[in-house]
Amino acid sequence: MPVPANPKTQETAAYLKYPVVLSNSAWLSAVYLENPNRVGEMSLRLASVVQAAWYELKLAPDAEKFVFAVVHKQPVGRERVWISLSLTVVRPQSEPPYLHVELLDETSPEVDQD
């Protein structure tokens, strides 16, 4: 007898199909490097942002907005910085849904910051 599908798992899997859109400020703070040592450095930074967002969605698939963070190495030196981000599941009426990532300080005040 087949095991019934878990609706939470199905909803989480659906999020993986949504495009991920970063605000300009989130891109510049969390992904962009002016002079990367390797081409893959920015790819890794982008991947860590998307992976962290998907991880949070997996923990709370019903959430429409939430806060998460990534830790990245500064472009110069060994210092690492904590970058607080906000993720919103955007569902426009006439377009497919997408995930919008922005810096926490550019987020509207109704985002739950617990």
PDB file of N, CA and C in Angstrom:
ATOM      1  N   MET A   1       0.850  -1.180   0.000  1.00  0.00           N
ATOM      2  CA  MET A   1       0.000   0.000   0.000  1.00  0.00           C
ATOM      3  C   MET A   1       0.895   1.243   0.000  1.00  0.00           C
ATOM      4  N   PRO A   2       0.688   2.176  -0.926  1.00  0.00           N
ATOM      5  CA  PRO A   2       1.531   3.369  -0.979  1.00  0.00           C
ATOM      6  C   PRO A   2       1.315   4.268   0.235  1.00  0.00           C
ATOM      7  N   VAL A   3       2.381   4.911   0.641  1.00  0.00           N
ATOM      8  CA  VAL A   3       2.320   5.852   1.759  1.00  0.00           C
ATOM      9  C   VAL A   3       1.764   7.174   1.237  1.00  0.00           C
ATOM     10  N   PRO A   4       0.759   7.750   1.931  1.00  0.00           N
ATOM     11  CA  PRO A   4       0.208   9.022   1.459  1.00  0.00           C
ATOM     12  C   PRO A   4       1.269  10.122   1.508  1.00  0.00           C
ATOM     13  N   ALA A   5       1.214  10.996   0.530  1.00  0.00           N
ATOM     14  CA  ALA A   5       2.182  12.097   0.464  1.00  0.00           C
ATOM     15  C   ALA A   5       1.927  13.087   1.591  1.00  0.00           C
ATOM     16  N   ASN A   6       2.988  13.576   2.160  1.00  0.00           N
ATOM     17  CA  ASN A   6       2.903  14.577   3.210  1.00  0.00           C
ATOM     18  C   ASN A   6       2.674  15.941   2.557  1.00  0.00           C
ATOM     19  N   PRO A   7       1.557  16.620   2.881  1.00  0.00           N
ATOM     20  CA  PRO A   7       1.285  17.910   2.242  1.00  0.00           C
ATOM     21  C   PRO A   7       2.380  18.946   2.517  1.00  0.00           C
ATOM     22  N   LYS A   8       2.998  18.901   3.704  1.00  0.00           N
ATOM     23  CA  LYS A   8       4.077  19.847   4.022  1.00  0.00           C
ATOM     24  C   LYS A   8       5.269  19.610   3.105  1.00  0.00           C
ATOM     25  N   THR A   9       5.600  18.340   2.856  1.00  0.00           N
ATOM     26  CA  THR A   9       6.718  18.017   1.975  1.00  0.00           C
ATOM     27  C   THR A   9       6.417  18.479   0.559  1.00  0.00           C
ATOM     28  N   GLN A  10       5.179  18.295   0.119  1.00  0.00           N
ATOM     29  CA  GLN A  10       4.795  18.736  -1.224  1.00  0.00           C
ATOM     30  C   GLN A  10       4.885  20.253  -1.352  1.00  0.00           C
ATOM     31  N   GLU A  11       4.446  20.962  -0.308  1.00  0.00           N
ATOM     32  CA  GLU A  11       4.504  22.424  -0.348  1.00  0.00           C
ATOM     33  C   GLU A  11       5.951  22.902  -0.361  1.00  0.00           C
ATOM     34  N   THR A  12       6.805  22.265   0.441  1.00  0.00           N
ATOM     35  CA  THR A  12       8.224  22.630   0.459  1.00  0.00           C
ATOM     36  C   THR A  12       8.854  22.369  -0.897  1.00  0.00           C
ATOM     37  N   ALA A  13       8.533  21.246  -1.511  1.00  0.00           N
ATOM     38  CA  ALA A  13       9.082  20.927  -2.830  1.00  0.00           C
ATOM     39  C   ALA A  13       8.635  21.954  -3.863  1.00  0.00           C
ATOM     40  N   ALA A  14       7.420  22.472  -3.723  1.00  0.00           N
ATOM     41  CA  ALA A  14       6.933  23.487  -4.664  1.00  0.00           C
ATOM     42  C   ALA A  14       7.776  24.756  -4.585  1.00  0.00           C
ATOM     43  N   TYR A  15       8.232  25.116  -3.383  1.00  0.00           N
ATOM     44  CA  TYR A  15       9.063  26.315  -3.232  1.00  0.00           C
ATOM     45  C   TYR A  15      10.365  26.208  -4.021  1.00  0.00           C
ATOM     46  N   LEU A  16      10.863  25.004  -4.206  1.00  0.00           N
ATOM     47  CA  LEU A  16      12.112  24.824  -4.943  1.00  0.00           C
ATOM     48  C   LEU A  16      11.967  25.230  -6.409  1.00  0.00           C
ATOM     49  N   LYS A  17      10.733  25.297  -6.895  1.00  0.00           N
ATOM     50  CA  LYS A  17      10.481  25.703  -8.282  1.00  0.00           C
ATOM     51  C   LYS A  17      10.371  27.218  -8.430  1.00  0.00           C
ATOM     52  N   TYR A  18      10.206  27.926  -7.314  1.00  0.00           N
ATOM     53  CA  TYR A  18      10.013  29.373  -7.374  1.00  0.00           C
ATOM     54  C   TYR A  18      11.334  30.074  -7.675  1.00  0.00           C
ATOM     55  N   PRO A  19      11.319  31.078  -8.543  1.00  0.00           N
ATOM     56  CA  PRO A  19      12.522  31.888  -8.740  1.00  0.00           C
ATOM     57  C   PRO A  19      12.880  32.617  -7.442  1.00  0.00           C
ATOM     58  N   VAL A  20      14.154  32.848  -7.239  1.00  0.00           N
ATOM     59  CA  VAL A  20      14.637  33.599  -6.080  1.00  0.00           C
ATOM     60  C   VAL A  20      15.146  34.942  -6.591  1.00  0.00           C
ATOM     61  N   VAL A  21      14.581  36.020  -6.056  1.00  0.00           N
ATOM     62  CA  VAL A  21      14.937  37.373  -6.477  1.00  0.00           C
ATOM     63  C   VAL A  21      15.564  38.096  -5.294  1.00  0.00           C
ATOM     64  N   LEU A  22      16.767  38.625  -5.482  1.00  0.00           N
ATOM     65  CA  LEU A  22      17.433  39.399  -4.442  1.00  0.00           C
ATOM     66  C   LEU A  22      17.307  40.882  -4.753  1.00  0.00           C
ATOM     67  N   SER A  23      17.062  41.675  -3.713  1.00  0.00           N
ATOM     68  CA  SER A  23      17.094  43.124  -3.904  1.00  0.00           C
ATOM     69  C   SER A  23      18.528  43.526  -4.229  1.00  0.00           C
ATOM     70  N   ASN A  24      18.690  44.705  -4.785  1.00  0.00           N
ATOM     71  CA  ASN A  24      20.025  45.192  -5.116  1.00  0.00           C
ATOM     72  C   ASN A  24      20.910  45.248  -3.868  1.00  0.00           C
ATOM     73  N   SER A  25      20.369  45.738  -2.759  1.00  0.00           N
ATOM     74  CA  SER A  25      21.149  45.838  -1.520  1.00  0.00           C
ATOM     75  C   SER A  25      21.539  44.469  -0.992  1.00  0.00           C
ATOM     76  N   ALA A  26      20.628  43.504  -1.064  1.00  0.00           N
ATOM     77  CA  ALA A  26      20.950  42.144  -0.617  1.00  0.00           C
ATOM     78  C   ALA A  26      22.038  41.544  -1.500  1.00  0.00           C
ATOM     79  N   TRP A  27      21.943  41.765  -2.802  1.00  0.00           N
ATOM     80  CA  TRP A  27      22.969  41.262  -3.724  1.00  0.00           C
ATOM     81  C   TRP A  27      24.333  41.853  -3.377  1.00  0.00           C
ATOM     82  N   LEU A  28      24.381  43.177  -3.210  1.00  0.00           N
ATOM     83  CA  LEU A  28      25.656  43.840  -2.942  1.00  0.00           C
ATOM     84  C   LEU A  28      26.254  43.431  -1.600  1.00  0.00           C
ATOM     85  N   SER A  29      25.414  43.187  -0.596  1.00  0.00           N
ATOM     86  CA  SER A  29      25.920  42.836   0.734  1.00  0.00           C
ATOM     87  C   SER A  29      26.228  41.359   0.893  1.00  0.00           C
ATOM     88  N   ALA A  30      25.384  40.505   0.325  1.00  0.00           N
ATOM     89  CA  ALA A  30      25.498  39.070   0.602  1.00  0.00           C
ATOM     90  C   ALA A  30      26.174  38.265  -0.501  1.00  0.00           C
ATOM     91  N   VAL A  31      26.248  38.800  -1.707  1.00  0.00           N
ATOM     92  CA  VAL A  31      26.769  38.013  -2.830  1.00  0.00           C
ATOM     93  C   VAL A  31      27.965  38.681  -3.512  1.00  0.00           C
ATOM     94  N   TYR A  32      27.829  39.922  -3.867  1.00  0.00           N
ATOM     95  CA  TYR A  32      28.809  40.607  -4.715  1.00  0.00           C
ATOM     96  C   TYR A  32      30.178  40.761  -4.050  1.00  0.00           C
ATOM     97  N   LEU A  33      31.212  40.524  -4.821  1.00  0.00           N
ATOM     98  CA  LEU A  33      32.597  40.804  -4.434  1.00  0.00           C
ATOM     99  C   LEU A  33      33.223  41.622  -5.553  1.00  0.00           C
ATOM    100  N   GLU A  34      33.852  42.724  -5.205  1.00  0.00           N
ATOM    101  CA  GLU A  34      34.427  43.587  -6.243  1.00  0.00           C
ATOM    102  C   GLU A  34      35.562  42.902  -6.988  1.00  0.00           C
ATOM    103  N   ASN A  35      36.437  42.224  -6.272  1.00  0.00           N
ATOM    104  CA  ASN A  35      37.585  41.554  -6.889  1.00  0.00           C
ATOM    105  C   ASN A  35      37.700  40.128  -6.360  1.00  0.00           C
ATOM    106  N   PRO A  36      36.838  39.227  -6.794  1.00  0.00           N
ATOM    107  CA  PRO A  36      36.928  37.855  -6.271  1.00  0.00           C
ATOM    108  C   PRO A  36      38.225  37.180  -6.715  1.00  0.00           C
ATOM    109  N   ASN A  37      38.802  36.367  -5.804  1.00  0.00           N
ATOM    110  CA  ASN A  37      40.015  35.615  -6.141  1.00  0.00           C
ATOM    111  C   ASN A  37      39.725  34.541  -7.176  1.00  0.00           C
ATOM    112  N   ARG A  38      38.533  33.963  -7.074  1.00  0.00           N
ATOM    113  CA  ARG A  38      38.116  32.918  -8.014  1.00  0.00           C
ATOM    114  C   ARG A  38      36.700  33.254  -8.480  1.00  0.00           C
ATOM    115  N   VAL A  39      36.388  32.820  -9.670  1.00  0.00           N
ATOM    116  CA  VAL A  39      35.049  33.054 -10.214  1.00  0.00           C
ATOM    117  C   VAL A  39      33.994  32.411  -9.316  1.00  0.00           C
ATOM    118  N   GLY A  40      34.318  31.263  -8.754  1.00  0.00           N
ATOM    119  CA  GLY A  40      33.359  30.527  -7.943  1.00  0.00           C
ATOM    120  C   GLY A  40      33.022  31.162  -6.612  1.00  0.00           C
ATOM    121  N   GLU A  41      33.780  32.160  -6.163  1.00  0.00           N
ATOM    122  CA  GLU A  41      33.508  32.772  -4.857  1.00  0.00           C
ATOM    123  C   GLU A  41      32.114  33.381  -4.787  1.00  0.00           C
ATOM    124  N   MET A  42      31.732  34.141  -5.805  1.00  0.00           N
ATOM    125  CA  MET A  42      30.398  34.739  -5.793  1.00  0.00           C
ATOM    126  C   MET A  42      29.327  33.667  -5.948  1.00  0.00           C
ATOM    127  N   SER A  43      29.616  32.633  -6.707  1.00  0.00           N
ATOM    128  CA  SER A  43      28.659  31.526  -6.854  1.00  0.00           C
ATOM    129  C   SER A  43      28.393  30.867  -5.513  1.00  0.00           C
ATOM    130  N   LEU A  44      29.442  30.662  -4.733  1.00  0.00           N
ATOM    131  CA  LEU A  44      29.284  30.052  -3.411  1.00  0.00           C
ATOM    132  C   LEU A  44      28.486  30.956  -2.483  1.00  0.00           C
ATOM    133  N   ARG A  45      28.738  32.245  -2.552  1.00  0.00           N
ATOM    134  CA  ARG A  45      27.996  33.186  -1.707  1.00  0.00           C
ATOM    135  C   ARG A  45      26.508  33.195  -2.082  1.00  0.00           C
ATOM    136  N   LEU A  46      26.219  33.207  -3.378  1.00  0.00           N
ATOM    137  CA  LEU A  46      24.827  33.158  -3.831  1.00  0.00           C
ATOM    138  C   LEU A  46      24.177  31.848  -3.403  1.00  0.00           C
ATOM    139  N   ALA A  47      24.886  30.754  -3.580  1.00  0.00           N
ATOM    140  CA  ALA A  47      24.347  29.446  -3.193  1.00  0.00           C
ATOM    141  C   ALA A  47      24.049  29.394  -1.701  1.00  0.00           C
ATOM    142  N   SER A  48      24.894  29.996  -0.876  1.00  0.00           N
ATOM    143  CA  SER A  48      24.648  29.951   0.570  1.00  0.00           C
ATOM    144  C   SER A  48      23.409  30.756   0.944  1.00  0.00           C
ATOM    145  N   VAL A  49      23.153  31.864   0.252  1.00  0.00           N
ATOM    146  CA  VAL A  49      21.945  32.651   0.515  1.00  0.00           C
ATOM    147  C   VAL A  49      20.702  31.849   0.130  1.00  0.00           C
ATOM    148  N   VAL A  50      20.708  31.268  -1.057  1.00  0.00           N
ATOM    149  CA  VAL A  50      19.553  30.493  -1.527  1.00  0.00           C
ATOM    150  C   VAL A  50      19.343  29.261  -0.650  1.00  0.00           C
ATOM    151  N   GLN A  51      20.416  28.578  -0.292  1.00  0.00           N
ATOM    152  CA  GLN A  51      20.303  27.388   0.554  1.00  0.00           C
ATOM    153  C   GLN A  51      19.741  27.747   1.930  1.00  0.00           C
ATOM    154  N   ALA A  52      20.194  28.836   2.520  1.00  0.00           N
ATOM    155  CA  ALA A  52      19.677  29.263   3.823  1.00  0.00           C
ATOM    156  C   ALA A  52      18.192  29.607   3.730  1.00  0.00           C
ATOM    157  N   ALA A  53      17.791  30.260   2.646  1.00  0.00           N
ATOM    158  CA  ALA A  53      16.376  30.598   2.458  1.00  0.00           C
ATOM    159  C   ALA A  53      15.532  29.334   2.327  1.00  0.00           C
ATOM    160  N   TRP A  54      15.978  28.382   1.518  1.00  0.00           N
ATOM    161  CA  TRP A  54      15.229  27.131   1.354  1.00  0.00           C
ATOM    162  C   TRP A  54      15.170  26.341   2.657  1.00  0.00           C
ATOM    163  N   TYR A  55      16.240  26.374   3.435  1.00  0.00           N
ATOM    164  CA  TYR A  55      16.252  25.676   4.722  1.00  0.00           C
ATOM    165  C   TYR A  55      15.175  26.260   5.637  1.00  0.00           C
ATOM    166  N   GLU A  56      15.088  27.576   5.698  1.00  0.00           N
ATOM    167  CA  GLU A  56      14.061  28.216   6.525  1.00  0.00           C
ATOM    168  C   GLU A  56      12.662  27.873   6.021  1.00  0.00           C
ATOM    169  N   LEU A  57      12.479  27.831   4.715  1.00  0.00           N
ATOM    170  CA  LEU A  57      11.176  27.449   4.157  1.00  0.00           C
ATOM    171  C   LEU A  57      10.812  26.021   4.527  1.00  0.00           C
ATOM    172  N   LYS A  58      11.811  25.157   4.558  1.00  0.00           N
ATOM    173  CA  LYS A  58      11.554  23.766   4.923  1.00  0.00           C
ATOM    174  C   LYS A  58      11.089  23.665   6.373  1.00  0.00           C
ATOM    175  N   LEU A  59      11.647  24.511   7.248  1.00  0.00           N
ATOM    176  CA  LEU A  59      11.258  24.504   8.659  1.00  0.00           C
ATOM    177  C   LEU A  59       9.870  25.090   8.879  1.00  0.00           C
ATOM    178  N   ALA A  60       9.479  26.039   8.048  1.00  0.00           N
ATOM    179  CA  ALA A  60       8.184  26.711   8.211  1.00  0.00           C
ATOM    180  C   ALA A  60       7.532  26.918   6.848  1.00  0.00           C
ATOM    181  N   PRO A  61       7.059  25.833   6.212  1.00  0.00           N
ATOM    182  CA  PRO A  61       6.525  25.961   4.849  1.00  0.00           C
ATOM    183  C   PRO A  61       5.262  26.815   4.736  1.00  0.00           C
ATOM    184  N   ASP A  62       4.577  27.072   5.843  1.00  0.00           N
ATOM    185  CA  ASP A  62       3.375  27.903   5.793  1.00  0.00           C
ATOM    186  C   ASP A  62       3.678  29.391   5.924  1.00  0.00           C
ATOM    187  N   ALA A  63       4.905  29.730   6.304  1.00  0.00           N
ATOM    188  CA  ALA A  63       5.266  31.135   6.515  1.00  0.00           C
ATOM    189  C   ALA A  63       5.304  31.877   5.183  1.00  0.00           C
ATOM    190  N   GLU A  64       4.850  33.100   5.210  1.00  0.00           N
ATOM    191  CA  GLU A  64       4.917  33.956   4.024  1.00  0.00           C
ATOM    192  C   GLU A  64       6.106  34.907   4.108  1.00  0.00           C
ATOM    193  N   LYS A  65       6.524  35.238   5.337  1.00  0.00           N
ATOM    194  CA  LYS A  65       7.661  36.131   5.562  1.00  0.00           C
ATOM    195  C   LYS A  65       8.436  35.628   6.765  1.00  0.00           C
ATOM    196  N   PHE A  66       9.745  35.721   6.684  1.00  0.00           N
ATOM    197  CA  PHE A  66      10.559  35.407   7.850  1.00  0.00           C
ATOM    198  C   PHE A  66      11.957  35.958   7.691  1.00  0.00           C
ATOM    199  N   VAL A  67      12.694  35.916   8.784  1.00  0.00           N
ATOM    200  CA  VAL A  67      14.048  36.450   8.846  1.00  0.00           C
ATOM    201  C   VAL A  67      15.032  35.299   8.932  1.00  0.00           C
ATOM    202  N   PHE A  68      16.151  35.425   8.231  1.00  0.00           N
ATOM    203  CA  PHE A  68      17.232  34.448   8.330  1.00  0.00           C
ATOM    204  C   PHE A  68      18.541  35.197   8.151  1.00  0.00           C
ATOM    205  N   ALA A  69      19.646  34.506   8.277  1.00  0.00           N
ATOM    206  CA  ALA A  69      20.944  35.183   8.165  1.00  0.00           C
ATOM    207  C   ALA A  69      21.975  34.258   7.546  1.00  0.00           C
ATOM    208  N   VAL A  70      22.993  34.862   7.001  1.00  0.00           N
ATOM    209  CA  VAL A  70      24.158  34.135   6.499  1.00  0.00           C
ATOM    210  C   VAL A  70      25.396  34.811   7.077  1.00  0.00           C
ATOM    211  N   VAL A  71      26.462  34.051   7.176  1.00  0.00           N
ATOM    212  CA  VAL A  71      27.741  34.588   7.626  1.00  0.00           C
ATOM    213  C   VAL A  71      28.688  34.517   6.439  1.00  0.00           C
ATOM    214  N   HIS A  72      29.288  35.651   6.112  1.00  0.00           N
ATOM    215  CA  HIS A  72      30.210  35.701   4.977  1.00  0.00           C
ATOM    216  C   HIS A  72      31.518  36.351   5.382  1.00  0.00           C
ATOM    217  N   LYS A  73      32.561  35.910   4.729  1.00  0.00           N
ATOM    218  CA  LYS A  73      33.882  36.501   4.899  1.00  0.00           C
ATOM    219  C   LYS A  73      33.883  37.865   4.217  1.00  0.00           C
ATOM    220  N   GLN A  74      34.517  38.827   4.868  1.00  0.00           N
ATOM    221  CA  GLN A  74      34.688  40.144   4.268  1.00  0.00           C
ATOM    222  C   GLN A  74      35.577  40.020   3.031  1.00  0.00           C
ATOM    223  N   PRO A  75      35.415  40.903   2.051  1.00  0.00           N
ATOM    224  CA  PRO A  75      36.239  40.819   0.839  1.00  0.00           C
ATOM    225  C   PRO A  75      37.743  40.914   1.115  1.00  0.00           C
ATOM    226  N   VAL A  76      38.121  41.621   2.184  1.00  0.00           N
ATOM    227  CA  VAL A  76      39.532  41.759   2.539  1.00  0.00           C
ATOM    228  C   VAL A  76      39.722  41.259   3.964  1.00  0.00           C
ATOM    229  N   GLY A  77      40.782  40.502   4.194  1.00  0.00           N
ATOM    230  CA  GLY A  77      41.061  40.006   5.533  1.00  0.00           C
ATOM    231  C   GLY A  77      40.316  38.721   5.835  1.00  0.00           C
ATOM    232  N   ARG A  78      40.299  38.382   7.133  1.00  0.00           N
ATOM    233  CA  ARG A  78      39.668  37.127   7.555  1.00  0.00           C
ATOM    234  C   ARG A  78      38.375  37.332   8.335  1.00  0.00           C
ATOM    235  N   GLU A  79      37.982  38.573   8.525  1.00  0.00           N
ATOM    236  CA  GLU A  79      36.794  38.863   9.317  1.00  0.00           C
ATOM    237  C   GLU A  79      35.532  38.352   8.618  1.00  0.00           C
ATOM    238  N   ARG A  80      34.623  37.834   9.433  1.00  0.00           N
ATOM    239  CA  ARG A  80      33.332  37.364   8.918  1.00  0.00           C
ATOM    240  C   ARG A  80      32.229  38.256   9.472  1.00  0.00           C
ATOM    241  N   VAL A  81      31.202  38.458   8.674  1.00  0.00           N
ATOM    242  CA  VAL A  81      30.091  39.319   9.088  1.00  0.00           C
ATOM    243  C   VAL A  81      28.775  38.547   9.008  1.00  0.00           C
ATOM    244  N   TRP A  82      27.874  38.888   9.905  1.00  0.00           N
ATOM    245  CA  TRP A  82      26.534  38.319   9.967  1.00  0.00           C
ATOM    246  C   TRP A  82      25.631  39.224   9.142  1.00  0.00           C
ATOM    247  N   ILE A  83      24.985  38.684   8.129  1.00  0.00           N
ATOM    248  CA  ILE A  83      24.102  39.474   7.272  1.00  0.00           C
ATOM    249  C   ILE A  83      22.672  38.994   7.497  1.00  0.00           C
ATOM    250  N   SER A  84      21.855  39.855   8.104  1.00  0.00           N
ATOM    251  CA  SER A  84      20.456  39.521   8.371  1.00  0.00           C
ATOM    252  C   SER A  84      19.621  39.831   7.137  1.00  0.00           C
ATOM    253  N   LEU A  85      18.843  38.841   6.735  1.00  0.00           N
ATOM    254  CA  LEU A  85      18.030  38.947   5.524  1.00  0.00           C
ATOM    255  C   LEU A  85      16.574  38.639   5.834  1.00  0.00           C
ATOM    256  N   SER A  86      15.707  39.087   4.974  1.00  0.00           N
ATOM    257  CA  SER A  86      14.284  38.797   5.063  1.00  0.00           C
ATOM    258  C   SER A  86      13.866  38.073   3.791  1.00  0.00           C
ATOM    259  N   LEU A  87      13.039  37.066   3.941  1.00  0.00           N
ATOM    260  CA  LEU A  87      12.512  36.350   2.781  1.00  0.00           C
ATOM    261  C   LEU A  87      11.000  36.482   2.780  1.00  0.00           C
ATOM    262  N   THR A  88      10.451  36.836   1.642  1.00  0.00           N
ATOM    263  CA  THR A  88       9.007  36.948   1.475  1.00  0.00           C
ATOM    264  C   THR A  88       8.582  36.063   0.312  1.00  0.00           C
ATOM    265  N   VAL A  89       7.539  35.274   0.524  1.00  0.00           N
ATOM    266  CA  VAL A  89       6.944  34.511  -0.568  1.00  0.00           C
ATOM    267  C   VAL A  89       5.938  35.451  -1.229  1.00  0.00           C
ATOM    268  N   VAL A  90       6.239  35.861  -2.452  1.00  0.00           N
ATOM    269  CA  VAL A  90       5.406  36.826  -3.172  1.00  0.00           C
ATOM    270  C   VAL A  90       4.521  36.051  -4.142  1.00  0.00           C
ATOM    271  N   ARG A  91       3.224  36.337  -4.066  1.00  0.00           N
ATOM    272  CA  ARG A  91       2.252  35.647  -4.915  1.00  0.00           C
ATOM    273  C   ARG A  91       1.437  36.678  -5.709  1.00  0.00           C
ATOM    274  N   PRO A  92       2.011  37.220  -6.788  1.00  0.00           N
ATOM    275  CA  PRO A  92       1.257  38.183  -7.606  1.00  0.00           C
ATOM    276  C   PRO A  92       0.039  37.502  -8.242  1.00  0.00           C
ATOM    277  N   GLN A  93      -1.009  38.263  -8.464  1.00  0.00           N
ATOM    278  CA  GLN A  93      -2.235  37.672  -9.005  1.00  0.00           C
ATOM    279  C   GLN A  93      -2.073  37.172 -10.433  1.00  0.00           C
ATOM    280  N   SER A  94      -1.345  37.888 -11.248  1.00  0.00           N
ATOM    281  CA  SER A  94      -1.273  37.514 -12.662  1.00  0.00           C
ATOM    282  C   SER A  94       0.060  36.891 -13.070  1.00  0.00           C
ATOM    283  N   GLU A  95       0.911  36.572 -12.091  1.00  0.00           N
ATOM    284  CA  GLU A  95       2.227  36.001 -12.381  1.00  0.00           C
ATOM    285  C   GLU A  95       2.498  34.830 -11.439  1.00  0.00           C
ATOM    286  N   PRO A  96       3.483  34.008 -11.779  1.00  0.00           N
ATOM    287  CA  PRO A  96       3.837  32.911 -10.875  1.00  0.00           C
ATOM    288  C   PRO A  96       4.473  33.447  -9.589  1.00  0.00           C
ATOM    289  N   PRO A  97       4.382  32.690  -8.489  1.00  0.00           N
ATOM    290  CA  PRO A  97       4.997  33.127  -7.237  1.00  0.00           C
ATOM    291  C   PRO A  97       6.522  33.115  -7.330  1.00  0.00           C
ATOM    292  N   TYR A  98       7.149  33.882  -6.441  1.00  0.00           N
ATOM    293  CA  TYR A  98       8.604  33.890  -6.354  1.00  0.00           C
ATOM    294  C   TYR A  98       9.017  34.212  -4.923  1.00  0.00           C
ATOM    295  N   LEU A  99      10.289  33.991  -4.629  1.00  0.00           N
ATOM    296  CA  LEU A  99      10.847  34.275  -3.311  1.00  0.00           C
ATOM    297  C   LEU A  99      11.664  35.557  -3.413  1.00  0.00           C
ATOM    298  N   HIS A 100      11.363  36.526  -2.555  1.00  0.00           N
ATOM    299  CA  HIS A 100      12.071  37.807  -2.578  1.00  0.00           C
ATOM    300  C   HIS A 100      12.942  37.916  -1.332  1.00  0.00           C
ATOM    301  N   VAL A 101      14.247  38.081  -1.545  1.00  0.00           N
ATOM    302  CA  VAL A 101      15.212  38.209  -0.454  1.00  0.00           C
ATOM    303  C   VAL A 101      15.710  39.643  -0.433  1.00  0.00           C
ATOM    304  N   GLU A 102      15.678  40.245   0.752  1.00  0.00           N
ATOM    305  CA  GLU A 102      16.201  41.594   0.912  1.00  0.00           C
ATOM    306  C   GLU A 102      16.893  41.709   2.259  1.00  0.00           C
ATOM    307  N   LEU A 103      17.688  42.758   2.420  1.00  0.00           N
ATOM    308  CA  LEU A 103      18.314  42.995   3.713  1.00  0.00           C
ATOM    309  C   LEU A 103      17.229  43.253   4.742  1.00  0.00           C
ATOM    310  N   LEU A 104      17.460  42.829   5.965  1.00  0.00           N
ATOM    311  CA  LEU A 104      16.449  43.001   7.000  1.00  0.00           C
ATOM    312  C   LEU A 104      16.104  44.471   7.205  1.00  0.00           C
ATOM    313  N   ASP A 105      17.085  45.358   7.143  1.00  0.00           N
ATOM    314  CA  ASP A 105      16.804  46.777   7.389  1.00  0.00           C
ATOM    315  C   ASP A 105      16.047  47.465   6.254  1.00  0.00           C
ATOM    316  N   GLU A 106      15.863  46.800   5.117  1.00  0.00           N
ATOM    317  CA  GLU A 106      15.045  47.384   4.047  1.00  0.00           C
ATOM    318  C   GLU A 106      13.672  46.728   3.977  1.00  0.00           C
ATOM    319  N   THR A 107      13.379  45.874   4.946  1.00  0.00           N
ATOM    320  CA  THR A 107      12.125  45.131   4.995  1.00  0.00           C
ATOM    321  C   THR A 107      11.041  45.961   5.658  1.00  0.00           C
ATOM    322  N   SER A 108       9.816  45.774   5.217  1.00  0.00           N
ATOM    323  CA  SER A 108       8.695  46.455   5.852  1.00  0.00           C
ATOM    324  C   SER A 108       8.522  45.935   7.276  1.00  0.00           C
ATOM    325  N   PRO A 109       7.989  46.745   8.188  1.00  0.00           N
ATOM    326  CA  PRO A 109       7.959  46.406   9.609  1.00  0.00           C
ATOM    327  C   PRO A 109       7.101  45.210   9.999  1.00  0.00           C
ATOM    328  N   GLU A 110       6.215  44.720   9.135  1.00  0.00           N
ATOM    329  CA  GLU A 110       5.356  43.609   9.544  1.00  0.00           C
ATOM    330  C   GLU A 110       6.052  42.255   9.543  1.00  0.00           C
ATOM    331  N   VAL A 111       7.318  42.165   9.127  1.00  0.00           N
ATOM    332  CA  VAL A 111       8.037  40.893   9.143  1.00  0.00           C
ATOM    333  C   VAL A 111       8.300  40.487  10.578  1.00  0.00           C
ATOM    334  N   ASP A 112       7.987  39.237  10.905  1.00  0.00           N
ATOM    335  CA  ASP A 112       8.212  38.699  12.246  1.00  0.00           C
ATOM    336  C   ASP A 112       9.701  38.463  12.432  1.00  0.00           C
ATOM    337  N   GLN A 113      10.300  39.109  13.434  1.00  0.00           N
ATOM    338  CA  GLN A 113      11.736  39.014  13.646  1.00  0.00           C
ATOM    339  C   GLN A 113      12.083  38.154  14.846  1.00  0.00           C
ATOM    340  N   ASP A 114      11.258  37.190  15.207  1.00  0.00           N
ATOM    341  CA  ASP A 114      11.544  36.314  16.358  1.00  0.00           C
ATOM    342  C   ASP A 114      12.669  35.375  16.081  1.00  0.00           C
TER     343      ASP A 114
END
